Amino acid sequence: MQESSYSATFGALTQQYRLDVIANNLANVNTTGFKADKLAFRDTFRRYAHDLVNPNQTIEQEVPWPRSFLLAQPRIAERVVDLSQGAFRATGNPLDLAIAGEGFFRLQTPDGEALTRKGVYHLSAEGYIVDEHGNQLLGDGGPLQVPDGGSIVILGDGTVTVDGEIIDQLTIVTVEDQHVLDKTGDSLFRIKANSGAQPIPAQDASVEQGFLEAANVEVVTEMVNMIETMRAFEAYQKMITGTFEQDKKAITEVGAASR
């Protein structure tokens, strides 16, 4: 099998993975607080022993840039989460919350503490502020619990008041390196256990009561990326088919006896 067939197969698989990411972004375009995934690519060059041989060792130790005879193939460098802020939508619900600026709400879940930008909350039967899965919203003093029937007002700095009385303050946190965050579904994030990172107070973050943050997915951009990915996948398919035909022709005709 020719080298082009291997390159095309890997390229097609890479585009398939990229298409999965794009499809997931588009599927969550209406998910509150959703953050889109982005892929970064790089070229990997295959080197041979003679590629690094330099007749004049006093000038340079090795070839500084890949030369034309080196084989290059694309690789996915990393998959990152775009944490840019989405648009705000006014709801008027006092327990719909959004964060203007950098930061996350803290939630207490059955699997431990999680971070989220999703601000859809309601009161549980016990008076705790929870999300649709029953995860409790955390303040400085732990899970936020409010008295029944009181008027809840949450100030920009996260201070929570009920009928004018301060009961707690929302803890808005962030991380120094966003690469330590893992998506766990339902717009939740967790800090990687082996990263050693800890949440820190977010600076210049403001809580907006009565608003929700929309997904930061740009539909037009994602659709253009999808078309581009499909075209690239089709090109790789044609390359695989063409290579197969060349191999078939070589096998059946090169070794055939001349007439």
C-alpha atoms as a PDB file:
ATOM      1  CA  MET A   1       0.000   0.000   0.000  1.00  0.00           C
ATOM      2  CA  GLN A   2       1.318   3.454  -0.870  1.00  0.00           C
ATOM      3  CA  GLU A   3       2.226   6.085   1.696  1.00  0.00           C
ATOM      4  CA  SER A   4      -0.555   8.318   0.383  1.00  0.00           C
ATOM      5  CA  SER A   5      -3.145   5.772   1.468  1.00  0.00           C
ATOM      6  CA  TYR A   6      -1.923   5.844   5.061  1.00  0.00           C
ATOM      7  CA  SER A   7      -1.832   9.650   5.062  1.00  0.00           C
ATOM      8  CA  ALA A   8      -5.341   9.863   3.594  1.00  0.00           C
ATOM      9  CA  THR A   9      -6.746   7.346   6.081  1.00  0.00           C
ATOM     10  CA  PHE A  10      -5.317   9.251   9.029  1.00  0.00           C
ATOM     11  CA  GLY A  11      -6.518  12.539   7.547  1.00  0.00           C
ATOM     12  CA  ALA A  12     -10.050  11.160   7.137  1.00  0.00           C
ATOM     13  CA  LEU A  13     -10.112   9.943  10.739  1.00  0.00           C
ATOM     14  CA  THR A  14      -8.895  13.362  11.908  1.00  0.00           C
ATOM     15  CA  GLN A  15     -11.679  15.104   9.979  1.00  0.00           C
ATOM     16  CA  GLN A  16     -14.222  12.668  11.408  1.00  0.00           C
ATOM     17  CA  TYR A  17     -13.118  13.591  14.927  1.00  0.00           C
ATOM     18  CA  ARG A  18     -13.320  17.283  14.027  1.00  0.00           C
ATOM     19  CA  LEU A  19     -16.836  16.759  12.663  1.00  0.00           C
ATOM     20  CA  ASP A  20     -17.895  15.136  15.952  1.00  0.00           C
ATOM     21  CA  VAL A  21     -16.703  18.214  17.846  1.00  0.00           C
ATOM     22  CA  ILE A  22     -18.530  20.585  15.490  1.00  0.00           C
ATOM     23  CA  ALA A  23     -21.738  18.523  15.696  1.00  0.00           C
ATOM     24  CA  ASN A  24     -21.598  18.607  19.503  1.00  0.00           C
ATOM     25  CA  ASN A  25     -21.155  22.389  19.473  1.00  0.00           C
ATOM     26  CA  LEU A  26     -24.161  22.835  17.180  1.00  0.00           C
ATOM     27  CA  ALA A  27     -26.279  20.424  19.221  1.00  0.00           C
ATOM     28  CA  ASN A  28     -25.732  22.618  22.296  1.00  0.00           C
ATOM     29  CA  VAL A  29     -26.351  25.982  20.672  1.00  0.00           C
ATOM     30  CA  ASN A  30     -29.434  26.442  22.906  1.00  0.00           C
ATOM     31  CA  THR A  31     -27.840  25.001  26.060  1.00  0.00           C
ATOM     32  CA  THR A  32     -27.510  27.642  28.772  1.00  0.00           C
ATOM     33  CA  GLY A  33     -23.909  28.276  29.789  1.00  0.00           C
ATOM     34  CA  PHE A  34     -22.462  25.845  27.226  1.00  0.00           C
ATOM     35  CA  LYS A  35     -18.865  26.459  26.158  1.00  0.00           C
ATOM     36  CA  ALA A  36     -17.779  25.390  22.686  1.00  0.00           C
ATOM     37  CA  ASP A  37     -14.831  23.091  22.024  1.00  0.00           C
ATOM     38  CA  LYS A  38     -12.064  24.111  19.645  1.00  0.00           C
ATOM     39  CA  LEU A  39      -9.408  21.994  17.923  1.00  0.00           C
ATOM     40  CA  ALA A  40      -5.866  23.063  17.150  1.00  0.00           C
ATOM     41  CA  PHE A  41      -3.756  21.313  14.522  1.00  0.00           C
ATOM     42  CA  ARG A  42      -0.041  21.024  13.884  1.00  0.00           C
ATOM     43  CA  ASP A  43       2.209  19.383  11.303  1.00  0.00           C
ATOM     44  CA  THR A  44       4.296  16.383  12.308  1.00  0.00           C
ATOM     45  CA  PHE A  45       7.373  15.752  10.197  1.00  0.00           C
ATOM     46  CA  ARG A  46       8.879  12.333   9.726  1.00  0.00           C
ATOM     47  CA  ARG A  47      12.647  12.534   9.828  1.00  0.00           C
ATOM     48  CA  TYR A  48      15.282  10.044   8.815  1.00  0.00           C
ATOM     49  CA  ALA A  49      18.859   9.733  10.011  1.00  0.00           C
ATOM     50  CA  HIS A  50      20.327  11.468   6.962  1.00  0.00           C
ATOM     51  CA  ASP A  51      17.942  14.392   7.369  1.00  0.00           C
ATOM     52  CA  LEU A  52      19.890  15.648  10.371  1.00  0.00           C
ATOM     53  CA  VAL A  53      23.342  15.250   8.841  1.00  0.00           C
ATOM     54  CA  ASN A  54      25.051  18.590   8.320  1.00  0.00           C
ATOM     55  CA  PRO A  55      28.390  18.706   6.496  1.00  0.00           C
ATOM     56  CA  ASN A  56      29.375  21.868   8.296  1.00  0.00           C
ATOM     57  CA  GLN A  57      28.855  21.286  12.001  1.00  0.00           C
ATOM     58  CA  THR A  58      30.358  24.657  12.879  1.00  0.00           C
ATOM     59  CA  ILE A  59      27.350  26.502  11.455  1.00  0.00           C
ATOM     60  CA  GLU A  60      24.435  24.503  12.827  1.00  0.00           C
ATOM     61  CA  GLN A  61      23.863  21.270  14.668  1.00  0.00           C
ATOM     62  CA  GLU A  62      20.818  20.101  12.790  1.00  0.00           C
ATOM     63  CA  VAL A  63      18.367  21.089  10.104  1.00  0.00           C
ATOM     64  CA  PRO A  64      16.419  24.050  11.573  1.00  0.00           C
ATOM     65  CA  TRP A  65      13.331  23.673   9.361  1.00  0.00           C
ATOM     66  CA  PRO A  66      11.822  20.676   7.552  1.00  0.00           C
ATOM     67  CA  ARG A  67      13.002  20.409   3.964  1.00  0.00           C
ATOM     68  CA  SER A  68      10.915  19.547   0.949  1.00  0.00           C
ATOM     69  CA  PHE A  69      11.778  15.855   1.014  1.00  0.00           C
ATOM     70  CA  LEU A  70      10.500  15.425   4.569  1.00  0.00           C
ATOM     71  CA  LEU A  71       7.041  13.889   4.895  1.00  0.00           C
ATOM     72  CA  ALA A  72       4.469  15.952   6.814  1.00  0.00           C
ATOM     73  CA  GLN A  73       1.127  14.850   8.223  1.00  0.00           C
ATOM     74  CA  PRO A  74      -1.450  16.849  10.209  1.00  0.00           C
ATOM     75  CA  ARG A  75      -2.040  15.992  13.834  1.00  0.00           C
ATOM     76  CA  ILE A  76      -4.487  17.299  16.422  1.00  0.00           C
ATOM     77  CA  ALA A  77      -2.380  19.379  18.771  1.00  0.00           C
ATOM     78  CA  GLU A  78      -5.025  19.870  21.450  1.00  0.00           C
ATOM     79  CA  ARG A  79      -8.718  20.148  22.143  1.00  0.00           C
ATOM     80  CA  VAL A  80      -9.539  23.194  24.216  1.00  0.00           C
ATOM     81  CA  VAL A  81     -12.679  24.758  25.623  1.00  0.00           C
ATOM     82  CA  ASP A  82     -13.571  28.262  24.501  1.00  0.00           C
ATOM     83  CA  LEU A  83     -14.457  30.009  27.758  1.00  0.00           C
ATOM     84  CA  SER A  84     -15.404  33.320  26.180  1.00  0.00           C
ATOM     85  CA  GLN A  85     -18.610  34.864  27.493  1.00  0.00           C
ATOM     86  CA  GLY A  86     -21.886  34.203  25.728  1.00  0.00           C
ATOM     87  CA  ALA A  87     -24.737  36.671  25.237  1.00  0.00           C
ATOM     88  CA  PHE A  88     -27.068  37.452  28.157  1.00  0.00           C
ATOM     89  CA  ARG A  89     -30.808  36.909  28.017  1.00  0.00           C
ATOM     90  CA  ALA A  90     -33.134  38.599  30.505  1.00  0.00           C
ATOM     91  CA  THR A  91     -35.660  36.321  32.222  1.00  0.00           C
ATOM     92  CA  GLY A  92     -36.764  38.256  35.296  1.00  0.00           C
ATOM     93  CA  ASN A  93     -36.515  35.093  37.412  1.00  0.00           C
ATOM     94  CA  PRO A  94     -34.652  35.989  40.649  1.00  0.00           C
ATOM     95  CA  LEU A  95     -32.938  32.591  40.676  1.00  0.00           C
ATOM     96  CA  ASP A  96     -31.664  32.850  37.098  1.00  0.00           C
ATOM     97  CA  LEU A  97     -28.057  34.001  37.411  1.00  0.00           C
ATOM     98  CA  ALA A  98     -25.273  34.902  35.008  1.00  0.00           C
ATOM     99  CA  ILE A  99     -21.651  35.904  35.520  1.00  0.00           C
ATOM    100  CA  ALA A 100     -20.329  38.961  33.703  1.00  0.00           C
ATOM    101  CA  GLY A 101     -16.611  38.437  33.277  1.00  0.00           C
ATOM    102  CA  GLU A 102     -14.410  35.496  34.141  1.00  0.00           C
ATOM    103  CA  GLY A 103     -15.479  32.954  36.734  1.00  0.00           C
ATOM    104  CA  PHE A 104     -17.685  30.025  37.688  1.00  0.00           C
ATOM    105  CA  PHE A 105     -20.393  29.159  40.182  1.00  0.00           C
ATOM    106  CA  ARG A 106     -19.523  26.368  42.616  1.00  0.00           C
ATOM    107  CA  LEU A 107     -21.889  23.414  42.917  1.00  0.00           C
ATOM    108  CA  GLN A 108     -21.985  20.552  45.393  1.00  0.00           C
ATOM    109  CA  THR A 109     -22.676  17.348  43.450  1.00  0.00           C
ATOM    110  CA  PRO A 110     -22.768  13.659  44.489  1.00  0.00           C
ATOM    111  CA  ASP A 111     -19.317  13.316  42.870  1.00  0.00           C
ATOM    112  CA  GLY A 112     -17.805  16.284  44.646  1.00  0.00           C
ATOM    113  CA  GLU A 113     -17.512  19.961  43.875  1.00  0.00           C
ATOM    114  CA  ALA A 114     -18.023  21.159  40.294  1.00  0.00           C
ATOM    115  CA  LEU A 115     -17.808  24.482  38.479  1.00  0.00           C
ATOM    116  CA  THR A 116     -20.351  25.858  36.033  1.00  0.00           C
ATOM    117  CA  ARG A 117     -21.485  28.946  34.145  1.00  0.00           C
ATOM    118  CA  LYS A 118     -25.013  27.610  33.889  1.00  0.00           C
ATOM    119  CA  GLY A 119     -27.228  29.720  36.106  1.00  0.00           C
ATOM    120  CA  VAL A 120     -30.644  28.031  36.037  1.00  0.00           C
ATOM    121  CA  TYR A 121     -31.627  27.497  39.685  1.00  0.00           C
ATOM    122  CA  HIS A 122     -34.693  26.978  41.841  1.00  0.00           C
ATOM    123  CA  LEU A 123     -35.524  26.300  45.486  1.00  0.00           C
ATOM    124  CA  SER A 124     -35.652  22.712  46.721  1.00  0.00           C
ATOM    125  CA  ALA A 125     -38.202  21.500  49.267  1.00  0.00           C
ATOM    126  CA  GLU A 126     -35.613  22.125  51.990  1.00  0.00           C
ATOM    127  CA  GLY A 127     -34.992  25.698  50.836  1.00  0.00           C
ATOM    128  CA  TYR A 128     -31.642  25.091  49.117  1.00  0.00           C
ATOM    129  CA  ILE A 129     -30.808  26.805  45.834  1.00  0.00           C
ATOM    130  CA  VAL A 130     -30.258  23.924  43.410  1.00  0.00           C
ATOM    131  CA  ASP A 131     -29.977  23.258  39.679  1.00  0.00           C
ATOM    132  CA  GLU A 132     -32.243  20.933  37.682  1.00  0.00           C
ATOM    133  CA  HIS A 133     -30.271  17.904  38.904  1.00  0.00           C
ATOM    134  CA  GLY A 134     -30.485  18.845  42.573  1.00  0.00           C
ATOM    135  CA  ASN A 135     -26.863  20.017  42.831  1.00  0.00           C
ATOM    136  CA  GLN A 136     -26.593  22.656  45.535  1.00  0.00           C
ATOM    137  CA  LEU A 137     -25.248  26.134  44.791  1.00  0.00           C
ATOM    138  CA  LEU A 138     -22.385  26.970  47.162  1.00  0.00           C
ATOM    139  CA  GLY A 139     -21.714  30.187  49.015  1.00  0.00           C
ATOM    140  CA  ASP A 140     -18.922  31.127  51.391  1.00  0.00           C
ATOM    141  CA  GLY A 141     -20.733  29.281  54.169  1.00  0.00           C
ATOM    142  CA  GLY A 142     -21.578  26.141  52.183  1.00  0.00           C
ATOM    143  CA  PRO A 143     -24.827  25.229  50.394  1.00  0.00           C
ATOM    144  CA  LEU A 144     -27.101  28.256  50.082  1.00  0.00           C
ATOM    145  CA  GLN A 145     -30.346  27.836  52.019  1.00  0.00           C
ATOM    146  CA  VAL A 146     -32.962  30.600  52.151  1.00  0.00           C
ATOM    147  CA  PRO A 147     -36.098  31.042  54.265  1.00  0.00           C
ATOM    148  CA  ASP A 148     -39.464  30.292  52.694  1.00  0.00           C
ATOM    149  CA  GLY A 149     -41.440  33.155  51.212  1.00  0.00           C
ATOM    150  CA  GLY A 150     -38.671  35.738  51.385  1.00  0.00           C
ATOM    151  CA  SER A 151     -37.699  38.114  48.584  1.00  0.00           C
ATOM    152  CA  ILE A 152     -34.314  37.010  47.263  1.00  0.00           C
ATOM    153  CA  VAL A 153     -31.951  39.674  45.975  1.00  0.00           C
ATOM    154  CA  ILE A 154     -28.440  38.821  44.788  1.00  0.00           C
ATOM    155  CA  LEU A 155     -26.087  41.764  44.375  1.00  0.00           C
ATOM    156  CA  GLY A 156     -23.345  42.128  41.798  1.00  0.00           C
ATOM    157  CA  ASP A 157     -20.625  41.061  44.250  1.00  0.00           C
ATOM    158  CA  GLY A 158     -22.556  37.851  45.012  1.00  0.00           C
ATOM    159  CA  THR A 159     -24.087  38.981  48.295  1.00  0.00           C
ATOM    160  CA  VAL A 160     -27.349  37.087  48.878  1.00  0.00           C
ATOM    161  CA  THR A 161     -30.094  38.872  50.793  1.00  0.00           C
ATOM    162  CA  VAL A 162     -33.570  37.750  51.825  1.00  0.00           C
ATOM    163  CA  ASP A 163     -35.981  40.535  52.708  1.00  0.00           C
ATOM    164  CA  GLY A 164     -32.997  42.861  53.025  1.00  0.00           C
ATOM    165  CA  GLU A 165     -31.053  40.602  55.400  1.00  0.00           C
ATOM    166  CA  ILE A 166     -27.675  39.235  54.263  1.00  0.00           C
ATOM    167  CA  ILE A 167     -27.577  35.450  54.575  1.00  0.00           C
ATOM    168  CA  ASP A 168     -24.443  34.530  52.604  1.00  0.00           C
ATOM    169  CA  GLN A 169     -22.323  35.391  49.576  1.00  0.00           C
ATOM    170  CA  LEU A 170     -21.923  33.454  46.349  1.00  0.00           C
ATOM    171  CA  THR A 171     -18.421  32.144  45.758  1.00  0.00           C
ATOM    172  CA  ILE A 172     -17.330  33.027  42.209  1.00  0.00           C
ATOM    173  CA  VAL A 173     -14.053  31.316  41.429  1.00  0.00           C
ATOM    174  CA  THR A 174     -11.700  30.710  38.522  1.00  0.00           C
ATOM    175  CA  VAL A 175      -8.430  28.867  37.853  1.00  0.00           C
ATOM    176  CA  GLU A 176      -5.056  30.222  36.775  1.00  0.00           C
ATOM    177  CA  ASP A 177      -4.655  27.681  33.969  1.00  0.00           C
ATOM    178  CA  GLN A 178      -7.861  26.845  32.119  1.00  0.00           C
ATOM    179  CA  HIS A 179      -6.238  23.674  30.689  1.00  0.00           C
ATOM    180  CA  VAL A 180      -6.754  21.974  34.076  1.00  0.00           C
ATOM    181  CA  LEU A 181     -10.541  21.998  33.559  1.00  0.00           C
ATOM    182  CA  ASP A 182     -12.352  18.907  32.296  1.00  0.00           C
ATOM    183  CA  LYS A 183     -15.875  18.930  30.879  1.00  0.00           C
ATOM    184  CA  THR A 184     -18.105  16.407  32.652  1.00  0.00           C
ATOM    185  CA  GLY A 185     -21.431  17.071  30.899  1.00  0.00           C
ATOM    186  CA  ASP A 186     -24.429  19.269  31.754  1.00  0.00           C
ATOM    187  CA  SER A 187     -22.204  22.373  31.417  1.00  0.00           C
ATOM    188  CA  LEU A 188     -20.172  21.250  34.427  1.00  0.00           C
ATOM    189  CA  PHE A 189     -16.402  21.445  34.816  1.00  0.00           C
ATOM    190  CA  ARG A 190     -14.036  19.744  37.238  1.00  0.00           C
ATOM    191  CA  ILE A 191     -10.413  20.440  38.017  1.00  0.00           C
ATOM    192  CA  LYS A 192      -8.196  17.534  36.983  1.00  0.00           C
ATOM    193  CA  ALA A 193      -7.295  15.518  40.049  1.00  0.00           C
ATOM    194  CA  ASN A 194      -3.620  15.205  39.171  1.00  0.00           C
ATOM    195  CA  SER A 195      -3.157  18.865  38.240  1.00  0.00           C
ATOM    196  CA  GLY A 196      -2.682  20.135  41.786  1.00  0.00           C
ATOM    197  CA  ALA A 197      -4.631  23.286  40.834  1.00  0.00           C
ATOM    198  CA  GLN A 198      -7.035  24.977  43.199  1.00  0.00           C
ATOM    199  CA  PRO A 199      -9.892  27.405  42.518  1.00  0.00           C
ATOM    200  CA  ILE A 200      -9.122  31.030  43.302  1.00  0.00           C
ATOM    201  CA  PRO A 201     -11.477  34.016  43.727  1.00  0.00           C
ATOM    202  CA  ALA A 202     -12.429  35.538  40.405  1.00  0.00           C
ATOM    203  CA  GLN A 203     -11.468  39.155  39.839  1.00  0.00           C
ATOM    204  CA  ASP A 204     -13.732  41.677  38.117  1.00  0.00           C
ATOM    205  CA  ALA A 205     -16.626  39.202  38.001  1.00  0.00           C
ATOM    206  CA  SER A 206     -20.161  40.435  38.526  1.00  0.00           C
ATOM    207  CA  VAL A 207     -23.304  38.386  39.230  1.00  0.00           C
ATOM    208  CA  GLU A 208     -26.291  39.411  37.123  1.00  0.00           C
ATOM    209  CA  GLN A 209     -29.617  38.405  38.710  1.00  0.00           C
ATOM    210  CA  GLY A 210     -32.516  37.667  36.376  1.00  0.00           C
ATOM    211  CA  PHE A 211     -30.288  36.850  33.412  1.00  0.00           C
ATOM    212  CA  LEU A 212     -29.011  33.674  31.764  1.00  0.00           C
ATOM    213  CA  GLU A 213     -25.876  33.261  29.670  1.00  0.00           C
ATOM    214  CA  ALA A 214     -26.420  31.694  26.255  1.00  0.00           C
ATOM    215  CA  ALA A 215     -24.006  29.244  24.648  1.00  0.00           C
ATOM    216  CA  ASN A 216     -20.985  30.905  23.045  1.00  0.00           C
ATOM    217  CA  VAL A 217     -21.393  28.828  19.866  1.00  0.00           C
ATOM    218  CA  GLU A 218     -21.272  30.884  16.648  1.00  0.00           C
ATOM    219  CA  VAL A 219     -23.645  28.982  14.381  1.00  0.00           C
ATOM    220  CA  VAL A 220     -22.425  30.480  11.088  1.00  0.00           C
ATOM    221  CA  THR A 221     -18.784  29.776  11.933  1.00  0.00           C
ATOM    222  CA  GLU A 222     -19.558  26.206  12.952  1.00  0.00           C
ATOM    223  CA  MET A 223     -21.564  25.593   9.779  1.00  0.00           C
ATOM    224  CA  VAL A 224     -18.681  26.885   7.651  1.00  0.00           C
ATOM    225  CA  ASN A 225     -16.310  24.616   9.585  1.00  0.00           C
ATOM    226  CA  MET A 226     -18.648  21.687   8.993  1.00  0.00           C
ATOM    227  CA  ILE A 227     -18.723  22.279   5.227  1.00  0.00           C
ATOM    228  CA  GLU A 228     -14.941  22.617   5.178  1.00  0.00           C
ATOM    229  CA  THR A 229     -14.552  19.384   7.142  1.00  0.00           C
ATOM    230  CA  MET A 230     -16.917  17.466   4.868  1.00  0.00           C
ATOM    231  CA  ARG A 231     -15.063  18.659   1.766  1.00  0.00           C
ATOM    232  CA  ALA A 232     -11.740  17.627   3.281  1.00  0.00           C
ATOM    233  CA  PHE A 233     -13.150  14.218   4.206  1.00  0.00           C
ATOM    234  CA  GLU A 234     -14.395  13.704   0.641  1.00  0.00           C
ATOM    235  CA  ALA A 235     -10.955  14.635  -0.717  1.00  0.00           C
ATOM    236  CA  TYR A 236      -9.315  12.053   1.533  1.00  0.00           C
ATOM    237  CA  GLN A 237     -11.823   9.452   0.343  1.00  0.00           C
ATOM    238  CA  LYS A 238     -10.908  10.176  -3.277  1.00  0.00           C
ATOM    239  CA  MET A 239      -7.228   9.885  -2.388  1.00  0.00           C
ATOM    240  CA  ILE A 240      -7.787   6.471  -0.818  1.00  0.00           C
ATOM    241  CA  THR A 241      -9.786   5.289  -3.847  1.00  0.00           C
ATOM    242  CA  GLY A 242      -7.172   6.619  -6.266  1.00  0.00           C
ATOM    243  CA  THR A 243      -4.359   4.917  -4.376  1.00  0.00           C
ATOM    244  CA  PHE A 244      -6.259   1.629  -4.410  1.00  0.00           C
ATOM    245  CA  GLU A 245      -6.711   1.875  -8.174  1.00  0.00           C
ATOM    246  CA  GLN A 246      -3.009   2.601  -8.661  1.00  0.00           C
ATOM    247  CA  ASP A 247      -2.035  -0.377  -6.539  1.00  0.00           C
ATOM    248  CA  LYS A 248      -4.476  -2.597  -8.441  1.00  0.00           C
ATOM    249  CA  LYS A 249      -3.090  -1.452 -11.774  1.00  0.00           C
ATOM    250  CA  ALA A 250       0.490  -2.018 -10.660  1.00  0.00           C
ATOM    251  CA  ILE A 251      -0.289  -5.527  -9.445  1.00  0.00           C
ATOM    252  CA  THR A 252      -2.182  -6.594 -12.576  1.00  0.00           C
ATOM    253  CA  GLU A 253      -0.109  -4.873 -15.268  1.00  0.00           C
ATOM    254  CA  VAL A 254       3.465  -4.302 -14.159  1.00  0.00           C
ATOM    255  CA  GLY A 255       4.233  -7.998 -13.751  1.00  0.00           C
ATOM    256  CA  ALA A 256       2.219  -9.142 -16.752  1.00  0.00           C
ATOM    257  CA  ALA A 257       4.066 -10.752 -19.672  1.00  0.00           C
ATOM    258  CA  SER A 258       4.344  -8.545 -22.754  1.00  0.00           C
ATOM    259  CA  ARG A 259       2.722  -9.702 -25.964  1.00  0.00           C
END
